[in-house]
Amino acid sequence: MASQNPIFARGLRSGRGGTDCADGIQLKTTASSCGRAASEHESVARGPQLEAISYNPRMHNAGRQKSLRAPKLAPRFAAVCAFALLCCLGAIAAKEFVMPAARPARTYPAHDDHPMEKVVVAVDPYDLEDKASIFTVNYRNYGYMPVFFVITNDGDQPVSLVGMKAQLNTKDRSKLFPATMDDLLRRLSHPSRNDGANRLPIPVPLPKKEVKGGVGRKTWDEIEQAQFGAKAVEPHSSARGFLFFDIADISNPLAGANFYLTGVQDAKGTELMYFEIPMEKYLSAPEVKRP
């Protein structure tokens, strides 16, 4: 028995090896079947999840919610517009007069330069609505035209304006003189004097605070601040202010008119040559937009 046939022994080993191979094939088959089963189970389990992700109730109701919110925007928009309107009205009511800054007189279209005396005079009529809007009172409606007056002293000595006299001569040779404080207050206190054709219509009336039979304090302060009142011009400086001319009975006061200024004296008391400015210089100048 100890000496078995080698061929028989190899047969036994071969037979076991065959069994091992069969077992391996069976294991692989079983594993493959289990893998497919697991995959099928996973795909079955995953299917509802994908469907759940693709369906979003909020997206489904987004259009409906938007349509429900849309009507609510109208009242909010109306409230915002009303607030903006109130702010604008408040700004108009709180409007205050601010004196325009003076540039050197020779930079204005309507000016007269005396190089030997080193004095320059300029006028800038506020005859247009956009320019006159700096005032809280529409003086044109009361028959007055504000004229911005600037005098520049380029010399080394002061110039006296104590005896200064301004005059506007119209085309029909009418001589107009600047109104005094009393003239303006009297006219503004009795506006019915100028009711009629001379009053210019304004789309949006400028705010005025007036007292019946008198003038409001705000208007009083504006006139006092606006009127030209300098008594001298220091060296290398300018003086400025408004002259108010009564044009109640004149339809076109600037066409063909001339502005004259006399009574200006140097530091020694010598009167300077009179200044003359044709208003056509202003009327023919190109329009300059304000900043």
C-alpha atoms as a PDB file:
ATOM      1  CA  MET A   1       0.000   0.000   0.000  1.00  0.00           C
ATOM      2  CA  ALA A   2       2.910   2.200   0.662  1.00  0.00           C
ATOM      3  CA  SER A   3       4.088   1.925  -2.832  1.00  0.00           C
ATOM      4  CA  GLN A   4       1.082   3.219  -4.706  1.00  0.00           C
ATOM      5  CA  ASN A   5       1.115   3.754  -8.425  1.00  0.00           C
ATOM      6  CA  PRO A   6       2.389   7.261  -9.205  1.00  0.00           C
ATOM      7  CA  ILE A   7      -0.109   7.572 -11.994  1.00  0.00           C
ATOM      8  CA  PHE A   8      -2.933   6.771  -9.601  1.00  0.00           C
ATOM      9  CA  ALA A   9      -1.579   9.306  -7.181  1.00  0.00           C
ATOM     10  CA  ARG A  10      -1.468  11.978  -9.865  1.00  0.00           C
ATOM     11  CA  GLY A  11      -5.022  11.061 -10.728  1.00  0.00           C
ATOM     12  CA  LEU A  12      -6.126  11.659  -7.224  1.00  0.00           C
ATOM     13  CA  ARG A  13      -4.357  15.034  -7.147  1.00  0.00           C
ATOM     14  CA  SER A  14      -5.829  15.828 -10.498  1.00  0.00           C
ATOM     15  CA  GLY A  15      -9.282  14.932  -9.300  1.00  0.00           C
ATOM     16  CA  ARG A  16      -8.954  17.178  -6.268  1.00  0.00           C
ATOM     17  CA  GLY A  17      -7.640  19.924  -8.396  1.00  0.00           C
ATOM     18  CA  GLY A  18     -10.683  19.553 -10.629  1.00  0.00           C
ATOM     19  CA  THR A  19     -12.896  19.805  -7.620  1.00  0.00           C
ATOM     20  CA  ASP A  20     -11.112  22.953  -6.533  1.00  0.00           C
ATOM     21  CA  CYS A  21     -11.600  24.431  -9.997  1.00  0.00           C
ATOM     22  CA  ALA A  22     -15.267  23.588  -9.921  1.00  0.00           C
ATOM     23  CA  ASP A  23     -15.609  25.132  -6.518  1.00  0.00           C
ATOM     24  CA  GLY A  24     -13.881  28.314  -7.808  1.00  0.00           C
ATOM     25  CA  ILE A  25     -16.223  28.564 -10.758  1.00  0.00           C
ATOM     26  CA  GLN A  26     -19.208  28.084  -8.497  1.00  0.00           C
ATOM     27  CA  LEU A  27     -17.964  30.803  -6.101  1.00  0.00           C
ATOM     28  CA  LYS A  28     -17.450  33.227  -8.970  1.00  0.00           C
ATOM     29  CA  THR A  29     -20.915  32.522 -10.310  1.00  0.00           C
ATOM     30  CA  THR A  30     -22.457  33.044  -6.910  1.00  0.00           C
ATOM     31  CA  ALA A  31     -20.550  36.309  -6.384  1.00  0.00           C
ATOM     32  CA  SER A  32     -21.643  37.549  -9.801  1.00  0.00           C
ATOM     33  CA  SER A  33     -25.239  36.732  -9.041  1.00  0.00           C
ATOM     34  CA  CYS A  34     -24.999  38.453  -5.688  1.00  0.00           C
ATOM     35  CA  GLY A  35     -23.428  41.521  -7.372  1.00  0.00           C
ATOM     36  CA  ARG A  36     -26.284  41.766  -9.892  1.00  0.00           C
ATOM     37  CA  ALA A  37     -28.837  41.318  -7.169  1.00  0.00           C
ATOM     38  CA  ALA A  38     -27.211  44.051  -5.078  1.00  0.00           C
ATOM     39  CA  SER A  39     -27.044  46.333  -8.093  1.00  0.00           C
ATOM     40  CA  GLU A  40     -30.699  45.742  -8.873  1.00  0.00           C
ATOM     41  CA  HIS A  41     -31.609  46.321  -5.240  1.00  0.00           C
ATOM     42  CA  GLU A  42     -29.574  49.561  -5.205  1.00  0.00           C
ATOM     43  CA  SER A  43     -31.156  50.823  -8.432  1.00  0.00           C
ATOM     44  CA  VAL A  44     -34.605  50.045  -7.048  1.00  0.00           C
ATOM     45  CA  ALA A  45     -33.777  51.855  -3.815  1.00  0.00           C
ATOM     46  CA  ARG A  46     -32.229  54.827  -5.641  1.00  0.00           C
ATOM     47  CA  GLY A  47     -35.096  55.379  -8.067  1.00  0.00           C
ATOM     48  CA  PRO A  48     -37.513  57.121  -5.648  1.00  0.00           C
ATOM     49  CA  GLN A  49     -34.656  59.313  -4.338  1.00  0.00           C
ATOM     50  CA  LEU A  50     -33.919  60.712  -7.802  1.00  0.00           C
ATOM     51  CA  GLU A  51     -37.622  61.328  -8.307  1.00  0.00           C
ATOM     52  CA  ALA A  52     -37.817  63.085  -4.952  1.00  0.00           C
ATOM     53  CA  ILE A  53     -34.883  65.352  -5.849  1.00  0.00           C
ATOM     54  CA  SER A  54     -36.292  66.334  -9.221  1.00  0.00           C
ATOM     55  CA  TYR A  55     -39.625  67.381  -7.681  1.00  0.00           C
ATOM     56  CA  ASN A  56     -39.401  70.617  -5.669  1.00  0.00           C
ATOM     57  CA  PRO A  57     -42.680  71.941  -4.251  1.00  0.00           C
ATOM     58  CA  ARG A  58     -41.220  75.467  -3.916  1.00  0.00           C
ATOM     59  CA  MET A  59     -40.367  75.572  -7.614  1.00  0.00           C
ATOM     60  CA  HIS A  60     -43.849  74.339  -8.396  1.00  0.00           C
ATOM     61  CA  ASN A  61     -45.406  77.151  -6.336  1.00  0.00           C
ATOM     62  CA  ALA A  62     -42.925  79.879  -7.358  1.00  0.00           C
ATOM     63  CA  GLY A  63     -45.156  81.267 -10.109  1.00  0.00           C
ATOM     64  CA  ARG A  64     -48.174  81.248  -7.831  1.00  0.00           C
ATOM     65  CA  GLN A  65     -46.310  83.003  -4.995  1.00  0.00           C
ATOM     66  CA  LYS A  66     -44.932  85.626  -7.413  1.00  0.00           C
ATOM     67  CA  SER A  67     -48.415  86.355  -8.718  1.00  0.00           C
ATOM     68  CA  LEU A  68     -49.640  86.724  -5.145  1.00  0.00           C
ATOM     69  CA  ARG A  69     -46.830  89.156  -4.242  1.00  0.00           C
ATOM     70  CA  ALA A  70     -47.143  91.341  -7.379  1.00  0.00           C
ATOM     71  CA  PRO A  71     -50.268  93.278  -6.311  1.00  0.00           C
ATOM     72  CA  LYS A  72     -48.536  94.235  -3.028  1.00  0.00           C
ATOM     73  CA  LEU A  73     -45.848  96.223  -4.909  1.00  0.00           C
ATOM     74  CA  ALA A  74     -48.327  98.851  -6.127  1.00  0.00           C
ATOM     75  CA  PRO A  75     -49.079 100.334  -2.670  1.00  0.00           C
ATOM     76  CA  ARG A  76     -45.383 100.339  -1.829  1.00  0.00           C
ATOM     77  CA  PHE A  77     -44.512 102.143  -5.049  1.00  0.00           C
ATOM     78  CA  ALA A  78     -47.229 104.713  -4.394  1.00  0.00           C
ATOM     79  CA  ALA A  79     -45.885 105.265  -0.883  1.00  0.00           C
ATOM     80  CA  VAL A  80     -42.347 105.796  -2.205  1.00  0.00           C
ATOM     81  CA  CYS A  81     -43.588 108.308  -4.789  1.00  0.00           C
ATOM     82  CA  ALA A  82     -45.586 110.182  -2.157  1.00  0.00           C
ATOM     83  CA  PHE A  83     -42.546 110.339   0.122  1.00  0.00           C
ATOM     84  CA  ALA A  84     -40.340 111.660  -2.711  1.00  0.00           C
ATOM     85  CA  LEU A  85     -42.955 114.312  -3.547  1.00  0.00           C
ATOM     86  CA  LEU A  86     -43.129 115.447   0.069  1.00  0.00           C
ATOM     87  CA  CYS A  87     -39.336 115.719   0.175  1.00  0.00           C
ATOM     88  CA  CYS A  88     -39.341 117.887  -2.970  1.00  0.00           C
ATOM     89  CA  LEU A  89     -42.065 120.138  -1.587  1.00  0.00           C
ATOM     90  CA  GLY A  90     -40.185 120.422   1.679  1.00  0.00           C
ATOM     91  CA  ALA A  91     -37.012 121.418  -0.172  1.00  0.00           C
ATOM     92  CA  ILE A  92     -38.904 124.110  -2.080  1.00  0.00           C
ATOM     93  CA  ALA A  93     -40.497 125.427   1.102  1.00  0.00           C
ATOM     94  CA  ALA A  94     -37.106 125.556   2.821  1.00  0.00           C
ATOM     95  CA  LYS A  95     -35.444 127.333  -0.109  1.00  0.00           C
ATOM     96  CA  GLU A  96     -33.166 130.217   0.819  1.00  0.00           C
ATOM     97  CA  PHE A  97     -31.588 132.924  -1.304  1.00  0.00           C
ATOM     98  CA  VAL A  98     -27.863 132.508  -1.890  1.00  0.00           C
ATOM     99  CA  MET A  99     -25.851 135.341  -3.412  1.00  0.00           C
ATOM    100  CA  PRO A 100     -24.063 134.209  -6.606  1.00  0.00           C
ATOM    101  CA  ALA A 101     -20.289 134.190  -6.441  1.00  0.00           C
ATOM    102  CA  ALA A 102     -18.643 137.030  -8.333  1.00  0.00           C
ATOM    103  CA  ARG A 103     -16.199 136.315 -11.107  1.00  0.00           C
ATOM    104  CA  PRO A 104     -13.813 139.026 -12.322  1.00  0.00           C
ATOM    105  CA  ALA A 105     -15.931 141.661 -14.061  1.00  0.00           C
ATOM    106  CA  ARG A 106     -14.159 141.314 -17.406  1.00  0.00           C
ATOM    107  CA  THR A 107     -15.285 137.694 -17.710  1.00  0.00           C
ATOM    108  CA  TYR A 108     -18.940 138.737 -18.156  1.00  0.00           C
ATOM    109  CA  PRO A 109     -20.120 139.480 -21.717  1.00  0.00           C
ATOM    110  CA  ALA A 110     -21.569 142.881 -20.770  1.00  0.00           C
ATOM    111  CA  HIS A 111     -18.687 144.816 -19.213  1.00  0.00           C
ATOM    112  CA  ASP A 112     -16.671 148.004 -19.576  1.00  0.00           C
ATOM    113  CA  ASP A 113     -12.932 147.936 -18.844  1.00  0.00           C
ATOM    114  CA  HIS A 114     -10.873 151.002 -17.897  1.00  0.00           C
ATOM    115  CA  PRO A 115      -7.283 149.718 -18.166  1.00  0.00           C
ATOM    116  CA  MET A 116      -5.659 153.001 -17.156  1.00  0.00           C
ATOM    117  CA  GLU A 117      -7.768 153.227 -13.997  1.00  0.00           C
ATOM    118  CA  LYS A 118      -7.650 149.459 -13.436  1.00  0.00           C
ATOM    119  CA  VAL A 119     -11.382 149.215 -12.767  1.00  0.00           C
ATOM    120  CA  VAL A 120     -13.872 147.001 -14.613  1.00  0.00           C
ATOM    121  CA  VAL A 121     -17.667 147.100 -14.338  1.00  0.00           C
ATOM    122  CA  ALA A 122     -20.057 144.347 -15.486  1.00  0.00           C
ATOM    123  CA  VAL A 123     -23.796 143.676 -15.446  1.00  0.00           C
ATOM    124  CA  ASP A 124     -25.638 140.381 -15.807  1.00  0.00           C
ATOM    125  CA  PRO A 125     -29.451 140.714 -16.077  1.00  0.00           C
ATOM    126  CA  TYR A 126     -31.490 137.968 -14.410  1.00  0.00           C
ATOM    127  CA  ASP A 127     -34.247 138.273 -16.974  1.00  0.00           C
ATOM    128  CA  LEU A 128     -34.777 134.531 -17.514  1.00  0.00           C
ATOM    129  CA  GLU A 129     -36.730 132.185 -15.279  1.00  0.00           C
ATOM    130  CA  ASP A 130     -33.928 129.718 -14.688  1.00  0.00           C
ATOM    131  CA  LYS A 131     -31.567 132.468 -13.566  1.00  0.00           C
ATOM    132  CA  ALA A 132     -34.176 134.244 -11.442  1.00  0.00           C
ATOM    133  CA  SER A 133     -35.009 130.970  -9.659  1.00  0.00           C
ATOM    134  CA  ILE A 134     -32.273 131.730  -7.103  1.00  0.00           C
ATOM    135  CA  PHE A 135     -34.763 134.116  -5.470  1.00  0.00           C
ATOM    136  CA  THR A 136     -37.689 133.051  -3.326  1.00  0.00           C
ATOM    137  CA  VAL A 137     -39.733 135.900  -4.833  1.00  0.00           C
ATOM    138  CA  ASN A 138     -40.444 136.268  -8.538  1.00  0.00           C
ATOM    139  CA  TYR A 139     -39.628 139.983  -8.816  1.00  0.00           C
ATOM    140  CA  ARG A 140     -40.577 140.069 -12.473  1.00  0.00           C
ATOM    141  CA  ASN A 141     -44.166 139.407 -11.437  1.00  0.00           C
ATOM    142  CA  TYR A 142     -43.972 142.625  -9.423  1.00  0.00           C
ATOM    143  CA  GLY A 143     -42.519 144.627 -12.300  1.00  0.00           C
ATOM    144  CA  TYR A 144     -38.829 144.488 -11.344  1.00  0.00           C
ATOM    145  CA  MET A 145     -35.845 143.037 -13.196  1.00  0.00           C
ATOM    146  CA  PRO A 146     -32.859 142.021 -11.035  1.00  0.00           C
ATOM    147  CA  VAL A 147     -29.475 142.871 -12.578  1.00  0.00           C
ATOM    148  CA  PHE A 148     -26.334 141.340 -11.092  1.00  0.00           C
ATOM    149  CA  PHE A 149     -23.740 144.093 -10.779  1.00  0.00           C
ATOM    150  CA  VAL A 150     -20.002 143.419 -10.393  1.00  0.00           C
ATOM    151  CA  ILE A 151     -17.165 145.929 -10.062  1.00  0.00           C
ATOM    152  CA  THR A 152     -13.554 144.751  -9.964  1.00  0.00           C
ATOM    153  CA  ASN A 153     -10.621 146.804  -8.700  1.00  0.00           C
ATOM    154  CA  ASP A 154      -7.325 145.578 -10.174  1.00  0.00           C
ATOM    155  CA  GLY A 155      -5.367 148.505  -8.731  1.00  0.00           C
ATOM    156  CA  ASP A 156      -3.291 148.809  -5.583  1.00  0.00           C
ATOM    157  CA  GLN A 157      -5.543 151.436  -3.945  1.00  0.00           C
ATOM    158  CA  PRO A 158      -9.178 151.169  -2.811  1.00  0.00           C
ATOM    159  CA  VAL A 159     -11.970 152.619  -4.924  1.00  0.00           C
ATOM    160  CA  SER A 160     -14.839 154.572  -3.346  1.00  0.00           C
ATOM    161  CA  LEU A 161     -18.465 153.873  -4.300  1.00  0.00           C
ATOM    162  CA  VAL A 162     -20.120 156.295  -1.900  1.00  0.00           C
ATOM    163  CA  GLY A 163     -21.224 158.619  -4.713  1.00  0.00           C
ATOM    164  CA  MET A 164     -21.907 155.860  -7.244  1.00  0.00           C
ATOM    165  CA  LYS A 165     -24.963 156.266  -9.485  1.00  0.00           C
ATOM    166  CA  ALA A 166     -26.276 153.551 -11.795  1.00  0.00           C
ATOM    167  CA  GLN A 167     -28.726 154.162 -14.631  1.00  0.00           C
ATOM    168  CA  LEU A 168     -30.354 152.071 -17.361  1.00  0.00           C
ATOM    169  CA  ASN A 169     -31.396 154.000 -20.459  1.00  0.00           C
ATOM    170  CA  THR A 170     -33.869 152.120 -22.640  1.00  0.00           C
ATOM    171  CA  LYS A 171     -34.270 152.304 -26.396  1.00  0.00           C
ATOM    172  CA  ASP A 172     -37.107 154.818 -26.064  1.00  0.00           C
ATOM    173  CA  ARG A 173     -34.832 156.991 -23.870  1.00  0.00           C
ATOM    174  CA  SER A 174     -36.531 156.151 -20.607  1.00  0.00           C
ATOM    175  CA  LYS A 175     -34.137 156.522 -17.678  1.00  0.00           C
ATOM    176  CA  LEU A 176     -34.433 153.787 -15.084  1.00  0.00           C
ATOM    177  CA  PHE A 177     -32.763 153.970 -11.681  1.00  0.00           C
ATOM    178  CA  PRO A 178     -32.236 151.144  -9.180  1.00  0.00           C
ATOM    179  CA  ALA A 179     -35.080 150.715  -6.721  1.00  0.00           C
ATOM    180  CA  THR A 180     -34.470 151.414  -3.051  1.00  0.00           C
ATOM    181  CA  MET A 181     -35.370 149.094  -0.221  1.00  0.00           C
ATOM    182  CA  ASP A 182     -38.519 151.123   0.441  1.00  0.00           C
ATOM    183  CA  ASP A 183     -39.512 150.951  -3.245  1.00  0.00           C
ATOM    184  CA  LEU A 184     -39.323 147.171  -3.265  1.00  0.00           C
ATOM    185  CA  LEU A 185     -41.152 146.719   0.023  1.00  0.00           C
ATOM    186  CA  ARG A 186     -43.890 149.087  -1.069  1.00  0.00           C
ATOM    187  CA  ARG A 187     -44.374 147.258  -4.376  1.00  0.00           C
ATOM    188  CA  LEU A 188     -44.356 143.794  -2.816  1.00  0.00           C
ATOM    189  CA  SER A 189     -46.806 144.933  -0.158  1.00  0.00           C
ATOM    190  CA  HIS A 190     -49.329 145.989  -2.828  1.00  0.00           C
ATOM    191  CA  PRO A 191     -48.967 143.467  -5.680  1.00  0.00           C
ATOM    192  CA  SER A 192     -52.317 144.459  -7.228  1.00  0.00           C
ATOM    193  CA  ARG A 193     -50.572 147.491  -8.678  1.00  0.00           C
ATOM    194  CA  ASN A 194     -48.923 145.279 -11.303  1.00  0.00           C
ATOM    195  CA  ASP A 195     -51.619 142.701 -11.947  1.00  0.00           C
ATOM    196  CA  GLY A 196     -52.282 142.340 -15.653  1.00  0.00           C
ATOM    197  CA  ALA A 197     -50.320 142.086 -18.892  1.00  0.00           C
ATOM    198  CA  ASN A 198     -46.933 142.775 -17.313  1.00  0.00           C
ATOM    199  CA  ARG A 199     -47.078 139.693 -15.127  1.00  0.00           C
ATOM    200  CA  LEU A 200     -45.308 136.709 -16.649  1.00  0.00           C
ATOM    201  CA  PRO A 201     -46.962 133.310 -16.142  1.00  0.00           C
ATOM    202  CA  ILE A 202     -44.877 130.703 -14.333  1.00  0.00           C
ATOM    203  CA  PRO A 203     -45.739 126.963 -14.497  1.00  0.00           C
ATOM    204  CA  VAL A 204     -44.725 126.354 -10.858  1.00  0.00           C
ATOM    205  CA  PRO A 205     -45.125 129.421  -8.602  1.00  0.00           C
ATOM    206  CA  LEU A 206     -42.093 130.200  -6.516  1.00  0.00           C
ATOM    207  CA  PRO A 207     -42.804 130.036  -2.767  1.00  0.00           C
ATOM    208  CA  LYS A 208     -43.363 133.352  -0.998  1.00  0.00           C
ATOM    209  CA  LYS A 209     -44.121 134.041   2.636  1.00  0.00           C
ATOM    210  CA  GLU A 210     -45.989 137.311   2.671  1.00  0.00           C
ATOM    211  CA  VAL A 211     -48.193 138.964   5.220  1.00  0.00           C
ATOM    212  CA  LYS A 212     -51.325 140.782   4.172  1.00  0.00           C
ATOM    213  CA  GLY A 213     -50.544 144.486   4.028  1.00  0.00           C
ATOM    214  CA  GLY A 214     -46.824 143.854   4.453  1.00  0.00           C
ATOM    215  CA  VAL A 215     -43.866 141.680   3.536  1.00  0.00           C
ATOM    216  CA  GLY A 216     -42.713 138.525   5.290  1.00  0.00           C
ATOM    217  CA  ARG A 217     -39.478 138.545   7.202  1.00  0.00           C
ATOM    218  CA  LYS A 218     -37.919 136.036   4.805  1.00  0.00           C
ATOM    219  CA  THR A 219     -38.538 138.328   1.818  1.00  0.00           C
ATOM    220  CA  TRP A 220     -37.281 141.336   3.767  1.00  0.00           C
ATOM    221  CA  ASP A 221     -34.018 139.525   4.566  1.00  0.00           C
ATOM    222  CA  GLU A 222     -33.614 138.405   0.962  1.00  0.00           C
ATOM    223  CA  ILE A 223     -33.912 141.938  -0.406  1.00  0.00           C
ATOM    224  CA  GLU A 224     -31.502 143.238   2.201  1.00  0.00           C
ATOM    225  CA  GLN A 225     -28.973 140.546   1.368  1.00  0.00           C
ATOM    226  CA  ALA A 226     -29.356 140.764  -2.421  1.00  0.00           C
ATOM    227  CA  GLN A 227     -29.180 144.520  -2.967  1.00  0.00           C
ATOM    228  CA  PHE A 228     -25.818 146.007  -3.853  1.00  0.00           C
ATOM    229  CA  GLY A 229     -24.608 148.010  -0.863  1.00  0.00           C
ATOM    230  CA  ALA A 230     -20.814 148.156  -1.007  1.00  0.00           C
ATOM    231  CA  LYS A 231     -19.277 151.552  -0.255  1.00  0.00           C
ATOM    232  CA  ALA A 232     -15.802 150.690  -1.517  1.00  0.00           C
ATOM    233  CA  VAL A 233     -13.818 148.047  -3.398  1.00  0.00           C
ATOM    234  CA  GLU A 234     -10.552 146.927  -1.870  1.00  0.00           C
ATOM    235  CA  PRO A 235      -7.441 146.455  -4.056  1.00  0.00           C
ATOM    236  CA  HIS A 236      -7.427 143.321  -6.199  1.00  0.00           C
ATOM    237  CA  SER A 237     -10.965 142.342  -5.258  1.00  0.00           C
ATOM    238  CA  SER A 238     -14.546 142.593  -6.482  1.00  0.00           C
ATOM    239  CA  ALA A 239     -17.837 143.794  -5.033  1.00  0.00           C
ATOM    240  CA  ARG A 240     -21.169 142.414  -6.189  1.00  0.00           C
ATOM    241  CA  GLY A 241     -24.888 142.663  -5.620  1.00  0.00           C
ATOM    242  CA  PHE A 242     -28.219 143.131  -7.378  1.00  0.00           C
ATOM    243  CA  LEU A 243     -29.753 146.298  -8.790  1.00  0.00           C
ATOM    244  CA  PHE A 244     -33.543 146.128  -9.210  1.00  0.00           C
ATOM    245  CA  PHE A 245     -34.940 148.177 -12.120  1.00  0.00           C
ATOM    246  CA  ASP A 246     -38.633 148.990 -12.458  1.00  0.00           C
ATOM    247  CA  ILE A 247     -39.701 147.704 -15.893  1.00  0.00           C
ATOM    248  CA  ALA A 248     -43.424 147.425 -15.194  1.00  0.00           C
ATOM    249  CA  ASP A 249     -44.429 149.424 -18.282  1.00  0.00           C
ATOM    250  CA  ILE A 250     -41.661 148.237 -20.627  1.00  0.00           C
ATOM    251  CA  SER A 251     -42.126 145.120 -22.744  1.00  0.00           C
ATOM    252  CA  ASN A 252     -38.496 144.693 -23.851  1.00  0.00           C
ATOM    253  CA  PRO A 253     -36.256 146.720 -21.540  1.00  0.00           C
ATOM    254  CA  LEU A 254     -32.877 145.345 -22.680  1.00  0.00           C
ATOM    255  CA  ALA A 255     -33.082 145.693 -26.473  1.00  0.00           C
ATOM    256  CA  GLY A 256     -31.171 148.799 -27.478  1.00  0.00           C
ATOM    257  CA  ALA A 257     -30.585 149.812 -23.834  1.00  0.00           C
ATOM    258  CA  ASN A 258     -27.368 151.098 -22.261  1.00  0.00           C
ATOM    259  CA  PHE A 259     -26.147 150.865 -18.682  1.00  0.00           C
ATOM    260  CA  TYR A 260     -24.254 153.827 -17.214  1.00  0.00           C
ATOM    261  CA  LEU A 261     -22.276 154.155 -14.006  1.00  0.00           C
ATOM    262  CA  THR A 262     -20.907 157.413 -12.618  1.00  0.00           C
ATOM    263  CA  GLY A 263     -19.565 158.684  -9.296  1.00  0.00           C
ATOM    264  CA  VAL A 264     -16.792 156.102  -8.794  1.00  0.00           C
ATOM    265  CA  GLN A 265     -13.748 157.720  -7.166  1.00  0.00           C
ATOM    266  CA  ASP A 266     -10.161 156.628  -6.631  1.00  0.00           C
ATOM    267  CA  ALA A 267      -8.305 156.777  -3.317  1.00  0.00           C
ATOM    268  CA  LYS A 268      -7.529 160.491  -3.841  1.00  0.00           C
ATOM    269  CA  GLY A 269     -11.195 161.392  -4.358  1.00  0.00           C
ATOM    270  CA  THR A 270     -10.867 161.899  -8.112  1.00  0.00           C
ATOM    271  CA  GLU A 271     -13.912 160.700 -10.028  1.00  0.00           C
ATOM    272  CA  LEU A 272     -13.213 158.104 -12.675  1.00  0.00           C
ATOM    273  CA  MET A 273     -14.472 158.281 -16.219  1.00  0.00           C
ATOM    274  CA  TYR A 274     -18.082 157.083 -16.485  1.00  0.00           C
ATOM    275  CA  PHE A 275     -18.746 153.488 -17.491  1.00  0.00           C
ATOM    276  CA  GLU A 276     -21.028 152.603 -20.391  1.00  0.00           C
ATOM    277  CA  ILE A 277     -22.234 149.091 -21.243  1.00  0.00           C
ATOM    278  CA  PRO A 278     -24.485 148.404 -24.262  1.00  0.00           C
ATOM    279  CA  MET A 279     -26.929 145.692 -23.256  1.00  0.00           C
ATOM    280  CA  GLU A 280     -26.632 144.196 -26.720  1.00  0.00           C
ATOM    281  CA  LYS A 281     -23.373 142.689 -25.446  1.00  0.00           C
ATOM    282  CA  TYR A 282     -25.464 140.575 -23.103  1.00  0.00           C
ATOM    283  CA  LEU A 283     -28.244 139.791 -25.583  1.00  0.00           C
ATOM    284  CA  SER A 284     -25.860 138.734 -28.374  1.00  0.00           C
ATOM    285  CA  ALA A 285     -23.572 136.634 -26.181  1.00  0.00           C
ATOM    286  CA  PRO A 286     -23.781 132.825 -26.504  1.00  0.00           C
ATOM    287  CA  GLU A 287     -25.773 131.176 -23.784  1.00  0.00           C
ATOM    288  CA  VAL A 288     -23.634 129.760 -21.015  1.00  0.00           C
ATOM    289  CA  LYS A 289     -24.984 126.831 -18.991  1.00  0.00           C
ATOM    290  CA  ARG A 290     -24.707 127.197 -15.280  1.00  0.00           C
ATOM    291  CA  PRO A 291     -22.809 124.433 -13.439  1.00  0.00           C
END
